[in-house]
Amino acid sequence: MQDFNPNKDITKKIKPEYKKIRYDVFNILRDQSESIHILTASLKYNEEAQGRAYERIKLDKARIQELETGAVEQDALEFILREKIDGLEQKIKSIKDGTLVPRRSN
């Protein structure tokens, strides 16, 4: 007659379940590791993309400032030229009216 050992019967039942659980836990850990790797790569890419965007913004700001400075200089030049044209138009009108006699060069 065989002795009944309840622990032996239980270990036979538990061992396959334990292996399955251990396998499942291993797969979960592997998946987590892959997820962490993907997230790390994604964060690194995002940081690089953000750095490139900041550099473009800096270049755009510099270009805008350059254009604004050029526009102010152009406006100033345009104002000076308009004043000169207005002055010349007044002189021409005065000459036509006979109120201003043009200088003659010798």
PDB file of N, CA and C in Angstrom:
ATOM      1  N   MET A   1       0.819  -1.166   0.000  1.00  0.00           N
ATOM      2  CA  MET A   1       0.000   0.000   0.000  1.00  0.00           C
ATOM      3  C   MET A   1       0.868   1.235   0.000  1.00  0.00           C
ATOM      4  N   GLN A   2       0.399   2.180  -0.761  1.00  0.00           N
ATOM      5  CA  GLN A   2       1.135   3.425  -0.897  1.00  0.00           C
ATOM      6  C   GLN A   2       0.684   4.395   0.175  1.00  0.00           C
ATOM      7  N   ASP A   3       1.704   5.008   0.755  1.00  0.00           N
ATOM      8  CA  ASP A   3       1.362   6.007   1.774  1.00  0.00           C
ATOM      9  C   ASP A   3       0.825   7.255   1.118  1.00  0.00           C
ATOM     10  N   PHE A   4      -0.165   7.775   1.735  1.00  0.00           N
ATOM     11  CA  PHE A   4      -0.761   9.000   1.213  1.00  0.00           C
ATOM     12  C   PHE A   4       0.033  10.197   1.735  1.00  0.00           C
ATOM     13  N   ASN A   5       0.583  10.975   0.818  1.00  0.00           N
ATOM     14  CA  ASN A   5       1.328  12.180   1.192  1.00  0.00           C
ATOM     15  C   ASN A   5       0.618  13.377   0.540  1.00  0.00           C
ATOM     16  N   PRO A   6      -0.121  14.111   1.338  1.00  0.00           N
ATOM     17  CA  PRO A   6      -0.884  15.227   0.754  1.00  0.00           C
ATOM     18  C   PRO A   6       0.027  16.296   0.159  1.00  0.00           C
ATOM     19  N   ASN A   7       1.175  16.504   0.724  1.00  0.00           N
ATOM     20  CA  ASN A   7       2.093  17.527   0.203  1.00  0.00           C
ATOM     21  C   ASN A   7       2.582  17.163  -1.187  1.00  0.00           C
ATOM     22  N   LYS A   8       2.814  15.872  -1.423  1.00  0.00           N
ATOM     23  CA  LYS A   8       3.295  15.419  -2.720  1.00  0.00           C
ATOM     24  C   LYS A   8       2.243  15.659  -3.797  1.00  0.00           C
ATOM     25  N   ASP A   9       1.004  15.397  -3.491  1.00  0.00           N
ATOM     26  CA  ASP A   9      -0.071  15.626  -4.450  1.00  0.00           C
ATOM     27  C   ASP A   9      -0.242  17.118  -4.734  1.00  0.00           C
ATOM     28  N   ILE A  10      -0.122  17.879  -3.730  1.00  0.00           N
ATOM     29  CA  ILE A  10      -0.275  19.336  -3.899  1.00  0.00           C
ATOM     30  C   ILE A  10       0.872  19.878  -4.736  1.00  0.00           C
ATOM     31  N   THR A  11       2.099  19.436  -4.491  1.00  0.00           N
ATOM     32  CA  THR A  11       3.242  19.933  -5.261  1.00  0.00           C
ATOM     33  C   THR A  11       3.122  19.551  -6.730  1.00  0.00           C
ATOM     34  N   LYS A  12       2.538  18.381  -7.021  1.00  0.00           N
ATOM     35  CA  LYS A  12       2.321  18.003  -8.416  1.00  0.00           C
ATOM     36  C   LYS A  12       1.359  18.959  -9.108  1.00  0.00           C
ATOM     37  N   LYS A  13       0.358  19.396  -8.375  1.00  0.00           N
ATOM     38  CA  LYS A  13      -0.622  20.317  -8.945  1.00  0.00           C
ATOM     39  C   LYS A  13      -0.059  21.744  -9.019  1.00  0.00           C
ATOM     40  N   ILE A  14       0.710  22.108  -8.035  1.00  0.00           N
ATOM     41  CA  ILE A  14       1.210  23.489  -7.949  1.00  0.00           C
ATOM     42  C   ILE A  14       2.341  23.727  -8.929  1.00  0.00           C
ATOM     43  N   LYS A  15       3.179  22.758  -9.137  1.00  0.00           N
ATOM     44  CA  LYS A  15       4.362  22.939  -9.970  1.00  0.00           C
ATOM     45  C   LYS A  15       4.023  23.439 -11.374  1.00  0.00           C
ATOM     46  N   PRO A  16       3.088  22.842 -12.097  1.00  0.00           N
ATOM     47  CA  PRO A  16       2.762  23.375 -13.420  1.00  0.00           C
ATOM     48  C   PRO A  16       2.178  24.800 -13.338  1.00  0.00           C
ATOM     49  N   GLU A  17       1.350  25.043 -12.342  1.00  0.00           N
ATOM     50  CA  GLU A  17       0.790  26.379 -12.170  1.00  0.00           C
ATOM     51  C   GLU A  17       1.898  27.387 -11.862  1.00  0.00           C
ATOM     52  N   TYR A  18       2.819  26.999 -11.051  1.00  0.00           N
ATOM     53  CA  TYR A  18       3.944  27.872 -10.699  1.00  0.00           C
ATOM     54  C   TYR A  18       4.759  28.200 -11.945  1.00  0.00           C
ATOM     55  N   LYS A  19       5.031  27.183 -12.782  1.00  0.00           N
ATOM     56  CA  LYS A  19       5.784  27.415 -14.014  1.00  0.00           C
ATOM     57  C   LYS A  19       5.033  28.387 -14.924  1.00  0.00           C
ATOM     58  N   LYS A  20       3.716  28.223 -15.035  1.00  0.00           N
ATOM     59  CA  LYS A  20       2.921  29.113 -15.868  1.00  0.00           C
ATOM     60  C   LYS A  20       2.956  30.546 -15.318  1.00  0.00           C
ATOM     61  N   ILE A  21       2.807  30.672 -14.015  1.00  0.00           N
ATOM     62  CA  ILE A  21       2.844  31.996 -13.399  1.00  0.00           C
ATOM     63  C   ILE A  21       4.218  32.628 -13.593  1.00  0.00           C
ATOM     64  N   ARG A  22       5.247  31.838 -13.379  1.00  0.00           N
ATOM     65  CA  ARG A  22       6.612  32.331 -13.564  1.00  0.00           C
ATOM     66  C   ARG A  22       6.832  32.775 -15.009  1.00  0.00           C
ATOM     67  N   TYR A  23       6.333  32.016 -15.959  1.00  0.00           N
ATOM     68  CA  TYR A  23       6.435  32.364 -17.382  1.00  0.00           C
ATOM     69  C   TYR A  23       5.672  33.661 -17.670  1.00  0.00           C
ATOM     70  N   ASP A  24       4.475  33.773 -17.118  1.00  0.00           N
ATOM     71  CA  ASP A  24       3.667  34.988 -17.312  1.00  0.00           C
ATOM     72  C   ASP A  24       4.360  36.210 -16.711  1.00  0.00           C
ATOM     73  N   VAL A  25       4.918  36.056 -15.526  1.00  0.00           N
ATOM     74  CA  VAL A  25       5.626  37.165 -14.882  1.00  0.00           C
ATOM     75  C   VAL A  25       6.842  37.560 -15.713  1.00  0.00           C
ATOM     76  N   PHE A  26       7.546  36.581 -16.215  1.00  0.00           N
ATOM     77  CA  PHE A  26       8.702  36.876 -17.072  1.00  0.00           C
ATOM     78  C   PHE A  26       8.268  37.665 -18.310  1.00  0.00           C
ATOM     79  N   ASN A  27       7.185  37.244 -18.947  1.00  0.00           N
ATOM     80  CA  ASN A  27       6.677  37.961 -20.122  1.00  0.00           C
ATOM     81  C   ASN A  27       6.254  39.391 -19.778  1.00  0.00           C
ATOM     82  N   ILE A  28       5.625  39.557 -18.644  1.00  0.00           N
ATOM     83  CA  ILE A  28       5.213  40.898 -18.212  1.00  0.00           C
ATOM     84  C   ILE A  28       6.440  41.779 -18.009  1.00  0.00           C
ATOM     85  N   LEU A  29       7.465  41.231 -17.338  1.00  0.00           N
ATOM     86  CA  LEU A  29       8.693  41.997 -17.114  1.00  0.00           C
ATOM     87  C   LEU A  29       9.378  42.347 -18.430  1.00  0.00           C
ATOM     88  N   ARG A  30       9.404  41.401 -19.368  1.00  0.00           N
ATOM     89  CA  ARG A  30       9.991  41.652 -20.684  1.00  0.00           C
ATOM     90  C   ARG A  30       9.225  42.758 -21.406  1.00  0.00           C
ATOM     91  N   ASP A  31       7.900  42.693 -21.368  1.00  0.00           N
ATOM     92  CA  ASP A  31       7.074  43.726 -22.001  1.00  0.00           C
ATOM     93  C   ASP A  31       7.297  45.093 -21.354  1.00  0.00           C
ATOM     94  N   GLN A  32       7.409  45.101 -20.044  1.00  0.00           N
ATOM     95  CA  GLN A  32       7.675  46.362 -19.331  1.00  0.00           C
ATOM     96  C   GLN A  32       9.022  46.938 -19.735  1.00  0.00           C
ATOM     97  N   SER A  33      10.002  46.062 -19.849  1.00  0.00           N
ATOM     98  CA  SER A  33      11.334  46.509 -20.255  1.00  0.00           C
ATOM     99  C   SER A  33      11.306  47.104 -21.660  1.00  0.00           C
ATOM    100  N   GLU A  34      10.593  46.446 -22.564  1.00  0.00           N
ATOM    101  CA  GLU A  34      10.470  46.964 -23.926  1.00  0.00           C
ATOM    102  C   GLU A  34       9.735  48.305 -23.929  1.00  0.00           C
ATOM    103  N   SER A  35       8.705  48.417 -23.119  1.00  0.00           N
ATOM    104  CA  SER A  35       7.947  49.662 -23.035  1.00  0.00           C
ATOM    105  C   SER A  35       8.826  50.801 -22.525  1.00  0.00           C
ATOM    106  N   ILE A  36       9.636  50.501 -21.517  1.00  0.00           N
ATOM    107  CA  ILE A  36      10.545  51.518 -20.975  1.00  0.00           C
ATOM    108  C   ILE A  36      11.541  51.947 -22.040  1.00  0.00           C
ATOM    109  N   HIS A  37      12.052  50.986 -22.786  1.00  0.00           N
ATOM    110  CA  HIS A  37      12.996  51.301 -23.862  1.00  0.00           C
ATOM    111  C   HIS A  37      12.339  52.196 -24.915  1.00  0.00           C
ATOM    112  N   ILE A  38      11.119  51.870 -25.304  1.00  0.00           N
ATOM    113  CA  ILE A  38      10.395  52.666 -26.301  1.00  0.00           C
ATOM    114  C   ILE A  38      10.126  54.069 -25.765  1.00  0.00           C
ATOM    115  N   LEU A  39       9.696  54.170 -24.516  1.00  0.00           N
ATOM    116  CA  LEU A  39       9.423  55.484 -23.918  1.00  0.00           C
ATOM    117  C   LEU A  39      10.688  56.330 -23.827  1.00  0.00           C
ATOM    118  N   THR A  40      11.791  55.691 -23.458  1.00  0.00           N
ATOM    119  CA  THR A  40      13.058  56.414 -23.365  1.00  0.00           C
ATOM    120  C   THR A  40      13.469  56.950 -24.728  1.00  0.00           C
ATOM    121  N   ALA A  41      13.360  56.121 -25.747  1.00  0.00           N
ATOM    122  CA  ALA A  41      13.702  56.555 -27.105  1.00  0.00           C
ATOM    123  C   ALA A  41      12.772  57.673 -27.556  1.00  0.00           C
ATOM    124  N   SER A  42      11.509  57.549 -27.218  1.00  0.00           N
ATOM    125  CA  SER A  42      10.531  58.569 -27.596  1.00  0.00           C
ATOM    126  C   SER A  42      10.838  59.899 -26.899  1.00  0.00           C
ATOM    127  N   LEU A  43      11.163  59.841 -25.620  1.00  0.00           N
ATOM    128  CA  LEU A  43      11.506  61.059 -24.880  1.00  0.00           C
ATOM    129  C   LEU A  43      12.756  61.718 -25.457  1.00  0.00           C
ATOM    130  N   LYS A  44      13.739  60.897 -25.786  1.00  0.00           N
ATOM    131  CA  LYS A  44      14.970  61.425 -26.373  1.00  0.00           C
ATOM    132  C   LYS A  44      14.674  62.115 -27.699  1.00  0.00           C
ATOM    133  N   TYR A  45      13.857  61.469 -28.538  1.00  0.00           N
ATOM    134  CA  TYR A  45      13.484  62.074 -29.817  1.00  0.00           C
ATOM    135  C   TYR A  45      12.727  63.388 -29.593  1.00  0.00           C
ATOM    136  N   ASN A  46      11.800  63.381 -28.632  1.00  0.00           N
ATOM    137  CA  ASN A  46      11.025  64.595 -28.347  1.00  0.00           C
ATOM    138  C   ASN A  46      11.929  65.729 -27.881  1.00  0.00           C
ATOM    139  N   GLU A  47      12.918  65.421 -27.049  1.00  0.00           N
ATOM    140  CA  GLU A  47      13.853  66.445 -26.584  1.00  0.00           C
ATOM    141  C   GLU A  47      14.660  67.003 -27.749  1.00  0.00           C
ATOM    142  N   GLU A  48      15.094  66.119 -28.649  1.00  0.00           N
ATOM    143  CA  GLU A  48      15.844  66.571 -29.820  1.00  0.00           C
ATOM    144  C   GLU A  48      14.964  67.431 -30.728  1.00  0.00           C
ATOM    145  N   ALA A  49      13.727  67.006 -30.929  1.00  0.00           N
ATOM    146  CA  ALA A  49      12.801  67.778 -31.767  1.00  0.00           C
ATOM    147  C   ALA A  49      12.515  69.132 -31.129  1.00  0.00           C
ATOM    148  N   GLN A  50      12.363  69.146 -29.822  1.00  0.00           N
ATOM    149  CA  GLN A  50      12.125  70.409 -29.114  1.00  0.00           C
ATOM    150  C   GLN A  50      13.332  71.332 -29.251  1.00  0.00           C
ATOM    151  N   GLY A  51      14.521  70.795 -29.157  1.00  0.00           N
ATOM    152  CA  GLY A  51      15.737  71.597 -29.334  1.00  0.00           C
ATOM    153  C   GLY A  51      15.808  72.189 -30.730  1.00  0.00           C
ATOM    154  N   ARG A  52      15.479  71.373 -31.744  1.00  0.00           N
ATOM    155  CA  ARG A  52      15.472  71.892 -33.120  1.00  0.00           C
ATOM    156  C   ARG A  52      14.428  72.989 -33.287  1.00  0.00           C
ATOM    157  N   ALA A  53      13.273  72.804 -32.667  1.00  0.00           N
ATOM    158  CA  ALA A  53      12.210  73.822 -32.761  1.00  0.00           C
ATOM    159  C   ALA A  53      12.667  75.122 -32.106  1.00  0.00           C
ATOM    160  N   TYR A  54      13.318  75.034 -30.942  1.00  0.00           N
ATOM    161  CA  TYR A  54      13.820  76.243 -30.277  1.00  0.00           C
ATOM    162  C   TYR A  54      14.848  76.963 -31.141  1.00  0.00           C
ATOM    163  N   GLU A  55      15.721  76.195 -31.796  1.00  0.00           N
ATOM    164  CA  GLU A  55      16.719  76.813 -32.678  1.00  0.00           C
ATOM    165  C   GLU A  55      16.040  77.531 -33.842  1.00  0.00           C
ATOM    166  N   ARG A  56      15.021  76.913 -34.423  1.00  0.00           N
ATOM    167  CA  ARG A  56      14.293  77.574 -35.517  1.00  0.00           C
ATOM    168  C   ARG A  56      13.602  78.836 -35.033  1.00  0.00           C
ATOM    169  N   ILE A  57      13.040  78.767 -33.829  1.00  0.00           N
ATOM    170  CA  ILE A  57      12.375  79.951 -33.270  1.00  0.00           C
ATOM    171  C   ILE A  57      13.385  81.078 -33.077  1.00  0.00           C
ATOM    172  N   LYS A  58      14.565  80.751 -32.571  1.00  0.00           N
ATOM    173  CA  LYS A  58      15.610  81.772 -32.394  1.00  0.00           C
ATOM    174  C   LYS A  58      15.983  82.406 -33.732  1.00  0.00           C
ATOM    175  N   LEU A  59      16.151  81.562 -34.761  1.00  0.00           N
ATOM    176  CA  LEU A  59      16.485  82.081 -36.091  1.00  0.00           C
ATOM    177  C   LEU A  59      15.357  82.954 -36.641  1.00  0.00           C
ATOM    178  N   ASP A  60      14.115  82.508 -36.431  1.00  0.00           N
ATOM    179  CA  ASP A  60      12.972  83.292 -36.906  1.00  0.00           C
ATOM    180  C   ASP A  60      12.889  84.636 -36.181  1.00  0.00           C
ATOM    181  N   LYS A  61      13.121  84.628 -34.867  1.00  0.00           N
ATOM    182  CA  LYS A  61      13.093  85.886 -34.105  1.00  0.00           C
ATOM    183  C   LYS A  61      14.174  86.838 -34.606  1.00  0.00           C
ATOM    184  N   ALA A  62      15.363  86.300 -34.849  1.00  0.00           N
ATOM    185  CA  ALA A  62      16.463  87.137 -35.352  1.00  0.00           C
ATOM    186  C   ALA A  62      16.112  87.708 -36.724  1.00  0.00           C
ATOM    187  N   ARG A  63      15.522  86.883 -37.574  1.00  0.00           N
ATOM    188  CA  ARG A  63      15.139  87.342 -38.914  1.00  0.00           C
ATOM    189  C   ARG A  63      14.053  88.411 -38.834  1.00  0.00           C
ATOM    190  N   ILE A  64      13.072  88.222 -37.972  1.00  0.00           N
ATOM    191  CA  ILE A  64      12.004  89.218 -37.788  1.00  0.00           C
ATOM    192  C   ILE A  64      12.590  90.531 -37.294  1.00  0.00           C
ATOM    193  N   GLN A  65      13.488  90.451 -36.321  1.00  0.00           N
ATOM    194  CA  GLN A  65      14.117  91.658 -35.793  1.00  0.00           C
ATOM    195  C   GLN A  65      14.910  92.373 -36.898  1.00  0.00           C
ATOM    196  N   GLU A  66      15.603  91.588 -37.709  1.00  0.00           N
ATOM    197  CA  GLU A  66      16.370  92.154 -38.822  1.00  0.00           C
ATOM    198  C   GLU A  66      15.433  92.848 -39.815  1.00  0.00           C
ATOM    199  N   LEU A  67      14.315  92.210 -40.125  1.00  0.00           N
ATOM    200  CA  LEU A  67      13.355  92.803 -41.048  1.00  0.00           C
ATOM    201  C   LEU A  67      12.723  94.066 -40.470  1.00  0.00           C
ATOM    202  N   GLU A  68      12.418  94.024 -39.158  1.00  0.00           N
ATOM    203  CA  GLU A  68      11.841  95.209 -38.518  1.00  0.00           C
ATOM    204  C   GLU A  68      12.826  96.367 -38.538  1.00  0.00           C
ATOM    205  N   THR A  69      14.095  96.079 -38.271  1.00  0.00           N
ATOM    206  CA  THR A  69      15.124  97.121 -38.294  1.00  0.00           C
ATOM    207  C   THR A  69      15.242  97.687 -39.701  1.00  0.00           C
ATOM    208  N   GLY A  70      15.243  96.816 -40.691  1.00  0.00           N
ATOM    209  CA  GLY A  70      15.315  97.246 -42.082  1.00  0.00           C
ATOM    210  C   GLY A  70      14.106  98.071 -42.465  1.00  0.00           C
ATOM    211  N   ALA A  71      12.930  97.694 -41.964  1.00  0.00           N
ATOM    212  CA  ALA A  71      11.704  98.433 -42.272  1.00  0.00           C
ATOM    213  C   ALA A  71      11.759  99.825 -41.667  1.00  0.00           C
ATOM    214  N   VAL A  72      12.285  99.929 -40.436  1.00  0.00           N
ATOM    215  CA  VAL A  72      12.405 101.248 -39.786  1.00  0.00           C
ATOM    216  C   VAL A  72      13.379 102.116 -40.575  1.00  0.00           C
ATOM    217  N   GLU A  73      14.501 101.522 -40.976  1.00  0.00           N
ATOM    218  CA  GLU A  73      15.483 102.281 -41.771  1.00  0.00           C
ATOM    219  C   GLU A  73      14.880 102.693 -43.106  1.00  0.00           C
ATOM    220  N   GLN A  74      14.118 101.810 -43.719  1.00  0.00           N
ATOM    221  CA  GLN A  74      13.484 102.119 -44.999  1.00  0.00           C
ATOM    222  C   GLN A  74      12.447 103.232 -44.812  1.00  0.00           C
ATOM    223  N   ASP A  75      11.680 103.175 -43.734  1.00  0.00           N
ATOM    224  CA  ASP A  75      10.696 104.230 -43.460  1.00  0.00           C
ATOM    225  C   ASP A  75      11.388 105.571 -43.262  1.00  0.00           C
ATOM    226  N   ALA A  76      12.508 105.570 -42.539  1.00  0.00           N
ATOM    227  CA  ALA A  76      13.252 106.812 -42.314  1.00  0.00           C
ATOM    228  C   ALA A  76      13.771 107.360 -43.638  1.00  0.00           C
ATOM    229  N   LEU A  77      14.331 106.503 -44.460  1.00  0.00           N
ATOM    230  CA  LEU A  77      14.839 106.920 -45.765  1.00  0.00           C
ATOM    231  C   LEU A  77      13.702 107.443 -46.644  1.00  0.00           C
ATOM    232  N   GLU A  78      12.574 106.746 -46.610  1.00  0.00           N
ATOM    233  CA  GLU A  78      11.413 107.179 -47.384  1.00  0.00           C
ATOM    234  C   GLU A  78      10.938 108.561 -46.916  1.00  0.00           C
ATOM    235  N   PHE A  79      10.942 108.794 -45.611  1.00  0.00           N
ATOM    236  CA  PHE A  79      10.534 110.092 -45.057  1.00  0.00           C
ATOM    237  C   PHE A  79      11.471 111.198 -45.536  1.00  0.00           C
ATOM    238  N   ILE A  80      12.763 110.939 -45.485  1.00  0.00           N
ATOM    239  CA  ILE A  80      13.752 111.939 -45.937  1.00  0.00           C
ATOM    240  C   ILE A  80      13.563 112.226 -47.423  1.00  0.00           C
ATOM    241  N   LEU A  81      13.384 111.190 -48.222  1.00  0.00           N
ATOM    242  CA  LEU A  81      13.192 111.382 -49.664  1.00  0.00           C
ATOM    243  C   LEU A  81      11.903 112.145 -49.958  1.00  0.00           C
ATOM    244  N   ARG A  82      10.844 111.854 -49.224  1.00  0.00           N
ATOM    245  CA  ARG A  82       9.595 112.596 -49.420  1.00  0.00           C
ATOM    246  C   ARG A  82       9.788 114.075 -49.098  1.00  0.00           C
ATOM    247  N   GLU A  83      10.520 114.357 -48.033  1.00  0.00           N
ATOM    248  CA  GLU A  83      10.782 115.758 -47.683  1.00  0.00           C
ATOM    249  C   GLU A  83      11.569 116.454 -48.791  1.00  0.00           C
ATOM    250  N   LYS A  84      12.580 115.757 -49.316  1.00  0.00           N
ATOM    251  CA  LYS A  84      13.375 116.352 -50.405  1.00  0.00           C
ATOM    252  C   LYS A  84      12.508 116.578 -51.643  1.00  0.00           C
ATOM    253  N   ILE A  85      11.664 115.581 -51.968  1.00  0.00           N
ATOM    254  CA  ILE A  85      10.785 115.717 -53.134  1.00  0.00           C
ATOM    255  C   ILE A  85       9.811 116.877 -52.924  1.00  0.00           C
ATOM    256  N   ASP A  86       9.246 116.967 -51.723  1.00  0.00           N
ATOM    257  CA  ASP A  86       8.326 118.073 -51.429  1.00  0.00           C
ATOM    258  C   ASP A  86       9.042 119.421 -51.569  1.00  0.00           C
ATOM    259  N   GLY A  87      10.266 119.486 -51.058  1.00  0.00           N
ATOM    260  CA  GLY A  87      11.055 120.725 -51.171  1.00  0.00           C
ATOM    261  C   GLY A  87      11.328 121.073 -52.626  1.00  0.00           C
ATOM    262  N   LEU A  88      11.683 120.054 -53.421  1.00  0.00           N
ATOM    263  CA  LEU A  88      11.937 120.293 -54.842  1.00  0.00           C
ATOM    264  C   LEU A  88      10.662 120.704 -55.577  1.00  0.00           C
ATOM    265  N   GLU A  89       9.551 120.068 -55.228  1.00  0.00           N
ATOM    266  CA  GLU A  89       8.286 120.451 -55.853  1.00  0.00           C
ATOM    267  C   GLU A  89       7.922 121.896 -55.528  1.00  0.00           C
ATOM    268  N   GLN A  90       8.184 122.302 -54.292  1.00  0.00           N
ATOM    269  CA  GLN A  90       7.903 123.699 -53.910  1.00  0.00           C
ATOM    270  C   GLN A  90       8.811 124.652 -54.677  1.00  0.00           C
ATOM    271  N   LYS A  91      10.067 124.287 -54.857  1.00  0.00           N
ATOM    272  CA  LYS A  91      10.987 125.134 -55.617  1.00  0.00           C
ATOM    273  C   LYS A  91      10.536 125.243 -57.071  1.00  0.00           C
ATOM    274  N   ILE A  92      10.125 124.102 -57.655  1.00  0.00           N
ATOM    275  CA  ILE A  92       9.654 124.115 -59.044  1.00  0.00           C
ATOM    276  C   ILE A  92       8.417 124.995 -59.166  1.00  0.00           C
ATOM    277  N   LYS A  93       7.509 124.876 -58.211  1.00  0.00           N
ATOM    278  CA  LYS A  93       6.297 125.689 -58.227  1.00  0.00           C
ATOM    279  C   LYS A  93       6.659 127.170 -58.096  1.00  0.00           C
ATOM    280  N   SER A  94       7.613 127.477 -57.209  1.00  0.00           N
ATOM    281  CA  SER A  94       8.030 128.873 -57.019  1.00  0.00           C
ATOM    282  C   SER A  94       8.668 129.424 -58.290  1.00  0.00           C
ATOM    283  N   ILE A  95       9.455 128.580 -58.974  1.00  0.00           N
ATOM    284  CA  ILE A  95      10.094 129.015 -60.222  1.00  0.00           C
ATOM    285  C   ILE A  95       9.020 129.281 -61.272  1.00  0.00           C
ATOM    286  N   LYS A  96       8.023 128.419 -61.370  1.00  0.00           N
ATOM    287  CA  LYS A  96       6.941 128.591 -62.341  1.00  0.00           C
ATOM    288  C   LYS A  96       6.127 129.855 -62.031  1.00  0.00           C
ATOM    289  N   ASP A  97       5.914 130.080 -60.734  1.00  0.00           N
ATOM    290  CA  ASP A  97       5.147 131.269 -60.331  1.00  0.00           C
ATOM    291  C   ASP A  97       5.978 132.549 -60.493  1.00  0.00           C
ATOM    292  N   GLY A  98       7.264 132.417 -60.591  1.00  0.00           N
ATOM    293  CA  GLY A  98       8.149 133.571 -60.711  1.00  0.00           C
ATOM    294  C   GLY A  98       8.530 134.152 -59.364  1.00  0.00           C
ATOM    295  N   THR A  99       8.244 133.484 -58.287  1.00  0.00           N
ATOM    296  CA  THR A  99       8.592 133.994 -56.964  1.00  0.00           C
ATOM    297  C   THR A  99      10.001 133.620 -56.585  1.00  0.00           C
ATOM    298  N   LEU A 100      10.585 132.669 -57.269  1.00  0.00           N
ATOM    299  CA  LEU A 100      11.961 132.271 -56.963  1.00  0.00           C
ATOM    300  C   LEU A 100      12.718 132.227 -58.259  1.00  0.00           C
ATOM    301  N   VAL A 101      13.817 132.956 -58.262  1.00  0.00           N
ATOM    302  CA  VAL A 101      14.665 132.980 -59.447  1.00  0.00           C
ATOM    303  C   VAL A 101      15.747 131.942 -59.247  1.00  0.00           C
ATOM    304  N   PRO A 102      15.890 130.995 -60.191  1.00  0.00           N
ATOM    305  CA  PRO A 102      16.918 129.965 -60.018  1.00  0.00           C
ATOM    306  C   PRO A 102      18.297 130.555 -60.111  1.00  0.00           C
ATOM    307  N   ARG A 103      19.217 129.954 -59.361  1.00  0.00           N
ATOM    308  CA  ARG A 103      20.613 130.411 -59.433  1.00  0.00           C
ATOM    309  C   ARG A 103      21.219 129.921 -60.733  1.00  0.00           C
ATOM    310  N   ARG A 104      21.997 130.780 -61.277  1.00  0.00           N
ATOM    311  CA  ARG A 104      22.687 130.398 -62.512  1.00  0.00           C
ATOM    312  C   ARG A 104      24.132 130.106 -62.176  1.00  0.00           C
ATOM    313  N   SER A 105      24.607 129.013 -62.681  1.00  0.00           N
ATOM    314  CA  SER A 105      26.023 128.696 -62.435  1.00  0.00           C
ATOM    315  C   SER A 105      26.861 129.340 -63.507  1.00  0.00           C
ATOM    316  N   ASN A 106      28.033 129.797 -63.156  1.00  0.00           N
ATOM    317  CA  ASN A 106      28.932 130.489 -64.103  1.00  0.00           C
ATOM    318  C   ASN A 106      29.858 129.537 -64.745  1.00  0.00           C
TER     319      ASN A 106
END
